[in-house]
Structures are given as C-alpha cells and as structure tokens.
C-alpha cells in the first residue's frame, strides 16, 4: 500500500466557500456532495441541459512519514464512466509528521450529465482518495 505511513487525508470535499485565516486555519462553509439544477416553465427540457456551478474543492493532507515535494493531481470521471486524461496539478510540500499541505481550488464546474461525478485525487500518480459529487436535474413544468 503506497500511503500506509502517509501522507494521510485529513479532508477531501467540495464546499461553497473556504476561508483561510492569517494563522493558516481553514474554515469550510457548506460542504456539498450534490448540486441541483432546476429548470421551470412550459418549455423545460426533459433532459438536463448543461449548467455551470461555482464550487470549491478542498484537499487537506498530513505528512505522517511522507516528506518532501510531491505532485497532486485531480481527475474527473463523468457519470457515463468517461474519465478526463488531464486535470489540475498542484505542487505539495510535506515537511514534518504533524504538518501538511492544503489545496484549495475554486472551480466553475460544468455539468453536462445527471448523475455522480467522481474526482480522483492522485499523489505522484498513485490514487490517494476519491471525491463524489452528484448532479441532480429538477424539471418543473407548468400547464397553461
């Protein structure tokens, strides 16, 4: 197991806001695991139209026995099973056992399919964890 002695995942989630205080402490506001897109009206389409949703991805690592410079990468898998071949990449520096590294990414996520999107978090090319985010379509039709 590649991460048996670290680094360890302290948190890996999506949220609406992440505040970082001067002392480095993070506050996560409204942790999200699903987003709902509502279309109302007589012409509301049967299938979910693509939509954009602002969201933040937060990954907090603690070093454990891992040390030095690493590369963290996030790859998205669509509900259809198709996986992106490239995604955002971040340098990570792990200095001591109880210290770690936080990655906070502001995103304008485009949802084209209804269902669960999986986000694989890789460290140096090895799967560290996965984060789910479900897109739900709510169609409200009116009759005239």
N, C-alpha and C. Protein backbone atom coordinates (compact mmCIF):
# COMPACT_ATOMS: atom_id res chain seq x y z
N UNK A 1 0.85 -1.18 0.00
CA UNK A 1 0.00 0.00 0.00
C UNK A 1 0.90 1.24 0.00
N UNK A 2 0.75 2.09 -1.00
CA UNK A 2 1.68 3.21 -1.14
C UNK A 2 1.57 4.29 -0.06
N UNK A 3 0.43 4.43 0.61
CA UNK A 3 0.27 5.51 1.59
C UNK A 3 0.04 4.98 3.00
N UNK A 4 0.57 3.81 3.29
CA UNK A 4 0.38 3.19 4.59
C UNK A 4 0.97 4.03 5.73
N UNK A 5 2.06 4.75 5.47
CA UNK A 5 2.69 5.58 6.51
C UNK A 5 2.56 7.07 6.21
N UNK A 6 1.74 7.44 5.26
CA UNK A 6 1.50 8.84 4.94
C UNK A 6 1.82 9.14 3.49
N UNK A 7 1.33 10.25 3.02
CA UNK A 7 0.53 11.21 3.75
C UNK A 7 -0.89 10.69 3.98
N UNK A 8 -1.55 11.30 4.95
CA UNK A 8 -2.90 10.94 5.30
C UNK A 8 -3.85 12.05 4.87
N UNK A 9 -5.05 11.66 4.47
CA UNK A 9 -6.07 12.62 4.06
C UNK A 9 -6.82 13.09 5.29
N UNK A 10 -6.69 14.37 5.61
CA UNK A 10 -7.44 14.94 6.73
C UNK A 10 -8.85 15.30 6.27
N UNK A 11 -8.96 15.81 5.04
CA UNK A 11 -10.26 16.14 4.45
C UNK A 11 -10.10 16.17 2.94
N UNK A 12 -11.15 15.76 2.25
CA UNK A 12 -11.22 15.85 0.79
C UNK A 12 -12.70 16.02 0.46
N UNK A 13 -13.09 17.24 0.10
CA UNK A 13 -14.51 17.50 -0.09
C UNK A 13 -14.72 18.72 -0.99
N UNK A 14 -15.98 18.91 -1.34
CA UNK A 14 -16.41 20.10 -2.06
C UNK A 14 -17.19 20.98 -1.08
N UNK A 15 -17.06 22.28 -1.24
CA UNK A 15 -17.81 23.20 -0.39
C UNK A 15 -18.10 24.48 -1.17
N UNK A 16 -18.99 25.29 -0.62
CA UNK A 16 -19.32 26.55 -1.28
C UNK A 16 -18.26 27.62 -1.04
N UNK A 17 -17.65 27.61 0.16
CA UNK A 17 -16.61 28.59 0.48
C UNK A 17 -15.59 27.97 1.41
N UNK A 18 -14.35 28.42 1.28
CA UNK A 18 -13.28 28.03 2.19
C UNK A 18 -12.54 29.30 2.57
N UNK A 19 -12.48 29.56 3.86
CA UNK A 19 -11.79 30.75 4.35
C UNK A 19 -10.50 30.33 5.01
N UNK A 20 -9.39 30.99 4.65
CA UNK A 20 -8.12 30.71 5.30
C UNK A 20 -7.73 31.92 6.14
N UNK A 21 -7.64 31.71 7.44
CA UNK A 21 -7.30 32.78 8.37
C UNK A 21 -5.81 33.08 8.32
N UNK A 22 -5.39 34.17 8.93
CA UNK A 22 -3.98 34.57 8.94
C UNK A 22 -3.09 33.52 9.58
N UNK A 23 -3.65 32.74 10.52
CA UNK A 23 -2.84 31.70 11.18
C UNK A 23 -2.84 30.38 10.41
N UNK A 24 -3.43 30.38 9.20
CA UNK A 24 -3.43 29.19 8.35
C UNK A 24 -4.58 28.23 8.59
N UNK A 25 -5.47 28.53 9.53
CA UNK A 25 -6.60 27.65 9.83
C UNK A 25 -7.68 27.83 8.76
N UNK A 26 -8.19 26.70 8.26
CA UNK A 26 -9.24 26.73 7.25
C UNK A 26 -10.61 26.58 7.90
N UNK A 27 -11.58 27.31 7.36
CA UNK A 27 -12.98 27.15 7.72
C UNK A 27 -13.72 26.80 6.44
N UNK A 28 -14.39 25.64 6.43
CA UNK A 28 -15.14 25.19 5.26
C UNK A 28 -16.62 25.49 5.51
N UNK A 29 -17.25 26.14 4.54
CA UNK A 29 -18.64 26.55 4.67
C UNK A 29 -19.49 25.80 3.64
N UNK A 30 -20.53 25.16 4.15
CA UNK A 30 -21.50 24.43 3.33
C UNK A 30 -20.82 23.35 2.49
N UNK A 31 -20.44 22.27 3.15
CA UNK A 31 -19.86 21.12 2.46
C UNK A 31 -20.95 20.50 1.59
N UNK A 32 -20.59 20.24 0.33
CA UNK A 32 -21.57 19.85 -0.69
C UNK A 32 -21.20 18.50 -1.29
N UNK A 33 -22.21 17.61 -1.44
CA UNK A 33 -21.96 16.37 -2.17
C UNK A 33 -22.97 16.19 -3.31
N UNK A 34 -23.86 17.19 -3.48
CA UNK A 34 -24.78 17.17 -4.62
C UNK A 34 -25.17 18.60 -4.98
N UNK A 35 -25.37 18.81 -6.26
CA UNK A 35 -25.86 20.10 -6.74
C UNK A 35 -27.12 19.84 -7.56
N UNK A 36 -28.10 20.71 -7.40
CA UNK A 36 -29.37 20.56 -8.10
C UNK A 36 -29.54 21.70 -9.07
N UNK A 37 -29.88 21.35 -10.30
CA UNK A 37 -30.16 22.35 -11.34
C UNK A 37 -31.66 22.27 -11.63
N UNK A 38 -32.37 23.37 -11.40
CA UNK A 38 -33.82 23.42 -11.60
C UNK A 38 -34.14 24.27 -12.81
N UNK A 39 -34.98 23.73 -13.68
CA UNK A 39 -35.49 24.48 -14.83
C UNK A 39 -37.01 24.43 -14.73
N UNK A 40 -37.65 25.60 -14.74
CA UNK A 40 -39.09 25.68 -14.60
C UNK A 40 -39.70 26.31 -15.84
N UNK A 41 -40.93 25.93 -16.12
CA UNK A 41 -41.66 26.52 -17.23
C UNK A 41 -42.21 25.47 -18.17
N UNK A 42 -43.08 25.93 -19.06
CA UNK A 42 -43.72 25.03 -20.02
C UNK A 42 -42.71 24.41 -20.98
N UNK A 43 -41.60 25.08 -21.22
CA UNK A 43 -40.59 24.61 -22.17
C UNK A 43 -39.40 23.94 -21.49
N UNK A 44 -39.53 23.57 -20.23
CA UNK A 44 -38.42 22.91 -19.52
C UNK A 44 -38.06 21.61 -20.25
N UNK A 45 -36.79 21.44 -20.64
CA UNK A 45 -36.40 20.24 -21.38
C UNK A 45 -36.47 18.97 -20.53
N UNK A 46 -36.76 17.85 -21.20
CA UNK A 46 -36.83 16.57 -20.49
C UNK A 46 -35.47 16.15 -19.94
N UNK A 47 -34.43 16.37 -20.73
CA UNK A 47 -33.07 16.02 -20.31
C UNK A 47 -32.40 17.25 -19.70
N UNK A 48 -31.51 17.02 -18.76
CA UNK A 48 -30.82 18.12 -18.10
C UNK A 48 -29.95 18.88 -19.11
N UNK A 49 -30.16 20.19 -19.23
CA UNK A 49 -29.25 20.98 -20.07
C UNK A 49 -27.95 21.21 -19.29
N UNK A 50 -26.83 21.38 -20.01
CA UNK A 50 -25.57 21.68 -19.31
C UNK A 50 -25.72 22.94 -18.46
N UNK A 51 -25.05 22.94 -17.31
CA UNK A 51 -25.06 24.12 -16.44
C UNK A 51 -23.72 24.24 -15.74
N UNK A 52 -23.44 25.47 -15.31
CA UNK A 52 -22.20 25.75 -14.60
C UNK A 52 -22.53 26.06 -13.15
N UNK A 53 -21.67 25.56 -12.24
CA UNK A 53 -21.90 25.75 -10.82
C UNK A 53 -20.57 26.11 -10.16
N UNK A 54 -20.52 27.24 -9.45
CA UNK A 54 -19.27 27.59 -8.76
C UNK A 54 -19.11 26.76 -7.48
N UNK A 55 -17.94 26.17 -7.31
CA UNK A 55 -17.71 25.30 -6.16
C UNK A 55 -16.22 25.30 -5.82
N UNK A 56 -15.90 24.89 -4.62
CA UNK A 56 -14.50 24.80 -4.21
C UNK A 56 -14.19 23.35 -3.84
N UNK A 57 -13.04 22.88 -4.28
CA UNK A 57 -12.53 21.58 -3.87
C UNK A 57 -11.45 21.84 -2.81
N UNK A 58 -11.51 21.10 -1.71
CA UNK A 58 -10.54 21.25 -0.64
C UNK A 58 -9.94 19.88 -0.32
N UNK A 59 -8.61 19.81 -0.36
CA UNK A 59 -7.90 18.59 -0.01
C UNK A 59 -6.87 18.97 1.04
N UNK A 60 -6.98 18.35 2.21
CA UNK A 60 -6.08 18.64 3.32
C UNK A 60 -5.29 17.37 3.63
N UNK A 61 -3.98 17.46 3.58
CA UNK A 61 -3.10 16.32 3.83
C UNK A 61 -2.26 16.55 5.07
N UNK A 62 -1.97 15.47 5.79
CA UNK A 62 -1.00 15.48 6.89
C UNK A 62 0.11 14.51 6.49
N UNK A 63 1.35 14.89 6.74
CA UNK A 63 2.50 14.17 6.20
C UNK A 63 2.66 12.76 6.73
N UNK A 64 2.47 12.53 8.02
CA UNK A 64 2.83 11.23 8.58
C UNK A 64 4.32 11.03 8.35
N UNK A 65 4.71 9.91 7.75
CA UNK A 65 6.13 9.65 7.47
C UNK A 65 6.55 10.16 6.09
N UNK A 66 5.61 10.65 5.29
CA UNK A 66 5.95 11.18 3.95
C UNK A 66 6.65 12.52 4.11
N UNK A 67 7.63 12.77 3.30
CA UNK A 67 8.38 14.03 3.36
C UNK A 67 8.70 14.50 1.94
N UNK A 68 8.93 15.79 1.84
CA UNK A 68 9.44 16.35 0.59
C UNK A 68 8.37 16.85 -0.35
N UNK A 69 8.80 17.02 -1.60
CA UNK A 69 7.95 17.59 -2.64
C UNK A 69 7.23 16.48 -3.40
N UNK A 70 5.95 16.75 -3.66
CA UNK A 70 5.12 15.79 -4.37
C UNK A 70 4.23 16.56 -5.34
N UNK A 71 3.53 15.80 -6.19
CA UNK A 71 2.60 16.40 -7.15
C UNK A 71 1.22 15.80 -6.94
N UNK A 72 0.25 16.68 -6.69
CA UNK A 72 -1.14 16.26 -6.50
C UNK A 72 -1.91 16.58 -7.77
N UNK A 73 -2.71 15.63 -8.23
CA UNK A 73 -3.47 15.79 -9.47
C UNK A 73 -4.91 15.36 -9.20
N UNK A 74 -5.86 16.05 -9.84
CA UNK A 74 -7.28 15.72 -9.69
C UNK A 74 -7.84 15.38 -11.08
N UNK A 75 -8.41 14.18 -11.21
CA UNK A 75 -9.01 13.74 -12.46
C UNK A 75 -10.50 13.50 -12.26
N UNK A 76 -11.30 13.98 -13.20
CA UNK A 76 -12.75 13.85 -13.12
C UNK A 76 -13.23 12.65 -13.95
N UNK A 77 -14.20 11.92 -13.38
CA UNK A 77 -14.87 10.85 -14.12
C UNK A 77 -16.34 11.20 -14.22
N UNK A 78 -16.86 11.25 -15.43
CA UNK A 78 -18.26 11.59 -15.68
C UNK A 78 -19.18 10.45 -15.26
N UNK A 79 -20.47 10.72 -15.06
CA UNK A 79 -21.42 9.65 -14.73
C UNK A 79 -21.43 8.54 -15.78
N UNK A 80 -21.10 8.86 -17.02
CA UNK A 80 -21.06 7.86 -18.09
C UNK A 80 -19.87 6.92 -17.95
N UNK A 81 -18.92 7.26 -17.07
CA UNK A 81 -17.73 6.43 -16.90
C UNK A 81 -16.50 6.98 -17.61
N UNK A 82 -16.69 7.96 -18.49
CA UNK A 82 -15.56 8.56 -19.21
C UNK A 82 -14.74 9.38 -18.23
N UNK A 83 -13.41 9.16 -18.26
CA UNK A 83 -12.52 9.85 -17.32
C UNK A 83 -11.64 10.83 -18.09
N UNK A 84 -11.46 12.02 -17.50
CA UNK A 84 -10.54 13.00 -18.07
C UNK A 84 -9.13 12.44 -18.02
N UNK A 85 -8.34 12.74 -19.03
CA UNK A 85 -6.95 12.29 -19.04
C UNK A 85 -6.03 13.31 -18.39
N UNK A 86 -6.51 14.54 -18.25
CA UNK A 86 -5.73 15.60 -17.60
C UNK A 86 -6.64 16.35 -16.64
N UNK A 87 -6.02 16.90 -15.61
CA UNK A 87 -6.75 17.70 -14.65
C UNK A 87 -5.79 18.65 -13.97
N UNK A 88 -6.30 19.46 -13.06
CA UNK A 88 -5.41 20.41 -12.38
C UNK A 88 -4.34 19.67 -11.57
N UNK A 89 -3.14 20.25 -11.57
CA UNK A 89 -1.99 19.69 -10.86
C UNK A 89 -1.42 20.73 -9.92
N UNK A 90 -1.04 20.30 -8.72
CA UNK A 90 -0.54 21.22 -7.70
C UNK A 90 0.72 20.66 -7.06
N UNK A 91 1.70 21.52 -6.82
CA UNK A 91 2.86 21.06 -6.05
C UNK A 91 2.47 20.98 -4.57
N UNK A 92 2.96 19.95 -3.89
CA UNK A 92 2.68 19.74 -2.48
C UNK A 92 4.02 19.55 -1.77
N UNK A 93 4.19 20.24 -0.64
CA UNK A 93 5.40 20.07 0.16
C UNK A 93 5.01 19.59 1.55
N UNK A 94 5.56 18.45 1.94
CA UNK A 94 5.28 17.86 3.25
C UNK A 94 6.55 17.91 4.08
N UNK A 95 6.49 18.66 5.20
CA UNK A 95 7.73 18.94 5.92
C UNK A 95 7.94 18.11 7.18
N UNK A 96 6.89 17.81 7.94
CA UNK A 96 7.08 17.02 9.17
C UNK A 96 5.80 16.27 9.49
N UNK A 97 5.91 15.31 10.39
CA UNK A 97 4.85 14.36 10.69
C UNK A 97 3.46 14.98 10.88
N UNK A 98 3.36 16.03 11.71
CA UNK A 98 2.05 16.60 12.02
C UNK A 98 1.68 17.76 11.12
N UNK A 99 2.60 18.17 10.27
CA UNK A 99 2.34 19.26 9.34
C UNK A 99 1.82 18.68 8.03
N UNK A 100 1.23 19.51 7.25
CA UNK A 100 0.70 19.01 6.00
C UNK A 100 0.64 20.08 4.95
N UNK A 101 -0.29 19.90 4.05
CA UNK A 101 -0.46 20.83 2.94
C UNK A 101 -1.94 20.86 2.60
N UNK A 102 -2.46 22.06 2.39
CA UNK A 102 -3.86 22.23 1.97
C UNK A 102 -3.90 22.69 0.52
N UNK A 103 -4.76 22.07 -0.25
CA UNK A 103 -5.03 22.51 -1.62
C UNK A 103 -6.48 22.99 -1.64
N UNK A 104 -6.66 24.26 -2.01
CA UNK A 104 -7.99 24.85 -2.10
C UNK A 104 -8.15 25.34 -3.54
N UNK A 105 -9.11 24.79 -4.24
CA UNK A 105 -9.28 25.07 -5.66
C UNK A 105 -10.68 25.63 -5.91
N UNK A 106 -10.74 26.86 -6.40
CA UNK A 106 -12.02 27.46 -6.80
C UNK A 106 -12.29 27.03 -8.25
N UNK A 107 -13.49 26.49 -8.49
CA UNK A 107 -13.81 25.95 -9.81
C UNK A 107 -15.16 26.46 -10.29
N UNK A 108 -15.29 26.60 -11.59
CA UNK A 108 -16.58 26.81 -12.25
C UNK A 108 -16.88 25.48 -12.94
N UNK A 109 -17.53 24.59 -12.22
CA UNK A 109 -17.76 23.24 -12.70
C UNK A 109 -18.88 23.21 -13.73
N UNK A 110 -18.64 22.58 -14.86
CA UNK A 110 -19.65 22.41 -15.90
C UNK A 110 -20.20 20.99 -15.80
N UNK A 111 -21.51 20.90 -15.60
CA UNK A 111 -22.19 19.62 -15.53
C UNK A 111 -22.98 19.42 -16.82
N UNK A 112 -22.66 18.36 -17.53
CA UNK A 112 -23.34 18.06 -18.79
C UNK A 112 -24.22 16.82 -18.68
N UNK A 113 -24.03 16.04 -17.61
CA UNK A 113 -24.80 14.82 -17.41
C UNK A 113 -25.33 14.78 -15.99
N UNK A 114 -26.49 14.18 -15.83
CA UNK A 114 -27.03 13.96 -14.50
C UNK A 114 -26.39 12.70 -13.93
N UNK A 115 -26.09 12.68 -12.65
CA UNK A 115 -25.50 11.51 -12.01
C UNK A 115 -24.30 11.87 -11.16
N UNK A 116 -23.55 10.84 -10.76
CA UNK A 116 -22.41 11.03 -9.87
C UNK A 116 -21.13 11.25 -10.68
N UNK A 117 -20.48 12.36 -10.39
CA UNK A 117 -19.16 12.66 -10.92
C UNK A 117 -18.16 12.26 -9.84
N UNK A 118 -17.13 11.50 -10.21
CA UNK A 118 -16.09 11.11 -9.26
C UNK A 118 -14.83 11.89 -9.58
N UNK A 119 -14.16 12.35 -8.55
CA UNK A 119 -12.91 13.09 -8.71
C UNK A 119 -11.82 12.31 -7.99
N UNK A 120 -10.89 11.77 -8.78
CA UNK A 120 -9.78 11.01 -8.21
C UNK A 120 -8.68 11.97 -7.80
N UNK A 121 -8.19 11.81 -6.60
CA UNK A 121 -7.08 12.61 -6.10
C UNK A 121 -5.85 11.71 -6.13
N UNK A 122 -4.87 12.08 -6.95
CA UNK A 122 -3.66 11.29 -7.09
C UNK A 122 -2.47 12.06 -6.52
N UNK A 123 -1.60 11.34 -5.86
CA UNK A 123 -0.35 11.92 -5.37
C UNK A 123 0.78 11.16 -6.03
N UNK A 124 1.59 11.88 -6.79
CA UNK A 124 2.69 11.26 -7.56
C UNK A 124 2.18 10.10 -8.41
N UNK A 125 0.98 10.28 -8.99
CA UNK A 125 0.42 9.28 -9.89
C UNK A 125 -0.31 8.13 -9.23
N UNK A 126 -0.32 8.07 -7.89
CA UNK A 126 -0.99 6.99 -7.16
C UNK A 126 -2.31 7.51 -6.57
N UNK A 127 -3.36 6.70 -6.67
CA UNK A 127 -4.67 7.08 -6.14
C UNK A 127 -4.59 7.24 -4.62
N UNK A 128 -4.94 8.43 -4.15
CA UNK A 128 -4.94 8.74 -2.72
C UNK A 128 -6.35 8.63 -2.14
N UNK A 129 -7.34 9.21 -2.86
CA UNK A 129 -8.74 9.13 -2.44
C UNK A 129 -9.62 9.54 -3.62
N UNK A 130 -10.93 9.39 -3.45
CA UNK A 130 -11.90 9.81 -4.45
C UNK A 130 -12.96 10.65 -3.77
N UNK A 131 -13.46 11.65 -4.52
CA UNK A 131 -14.49 12.56 -4.00
C UNK A 131 -15.70 12.51 -4.94
N UNK A 132 -16.91 12.18 -4.43
CA UNK A 132 -18.10 12.15 -5.27
C UNK A 132 -18.83 13.50 -5.25
N UNK A 133 -19.48 13.81 -6.37
CA UNK A 133 -20.34 14.99 -6.46
C UNK A 133 -21.46 14.66 -7.43
N UNK A 134 -22.70 14.65 -6.94
CA UNK A 134 -23.85 14.26 -7.76
C UNK A 134 -24.53 15.50 -8.33
N UNK A 135 -24.85 15.43 -9.63
CA UNK A 135 -25.65 16.46 -10.30
C UNK A 135 -27.08 15.93 -10.44
N UNK A 136 -28.04 16.73 -9.96
CA UNK A 136 -29.45 16.34 -9.99
C UNK A 136 -30.20 17.37 -10.82
N UNK A 137 -31.10 16.89 -11.68
CA UNK A 137 -31.91 17.77 -12.52
C UNK A 137 -33.33 17.76 -11.99
N UNK A 138 -33.86 18.96 -11.72
CA UNK A 138 -35.25 19.11 -11.27
C UNK A 138 -36.01 19.87 -12.34
N UNK A 139 -36.93 19.19 -12.98
CA UNK A 139 -37.71 19.79 -14.08
C UNK A 139 -39.11 20.10 -13.57
N UNK A 140 -39.45 21.39 -13.57
CA UNK A 140 -40.76 21.83 -13.13
C UNK A 140 -41.52 22.40 -14.31
N UNK A 141 -42.55 21.69 -14.72
CA UNK A 141 -43.32 22.16 -15.87
C UNK A 141 -44.63 22.79 -15.41
N UNK A 142 -45.08 23.73 -16.19
CA UNK A 142 -46.36 24.40 -15.92
C UNK A 142 -47.29 24.12 -17.07
N UNK A 143 -48.54 24.05 -16.77
CA UNK A 143 -49.56 23.81 -17.81
C UNK A 143 -50.38 25.08 -17.96
N UNK A 144 -50.56 25.47 -19.19
CA UNK A 144 -51.25 26.72 -19.45
C UNK A 144 -52.69 26.59 -19.77
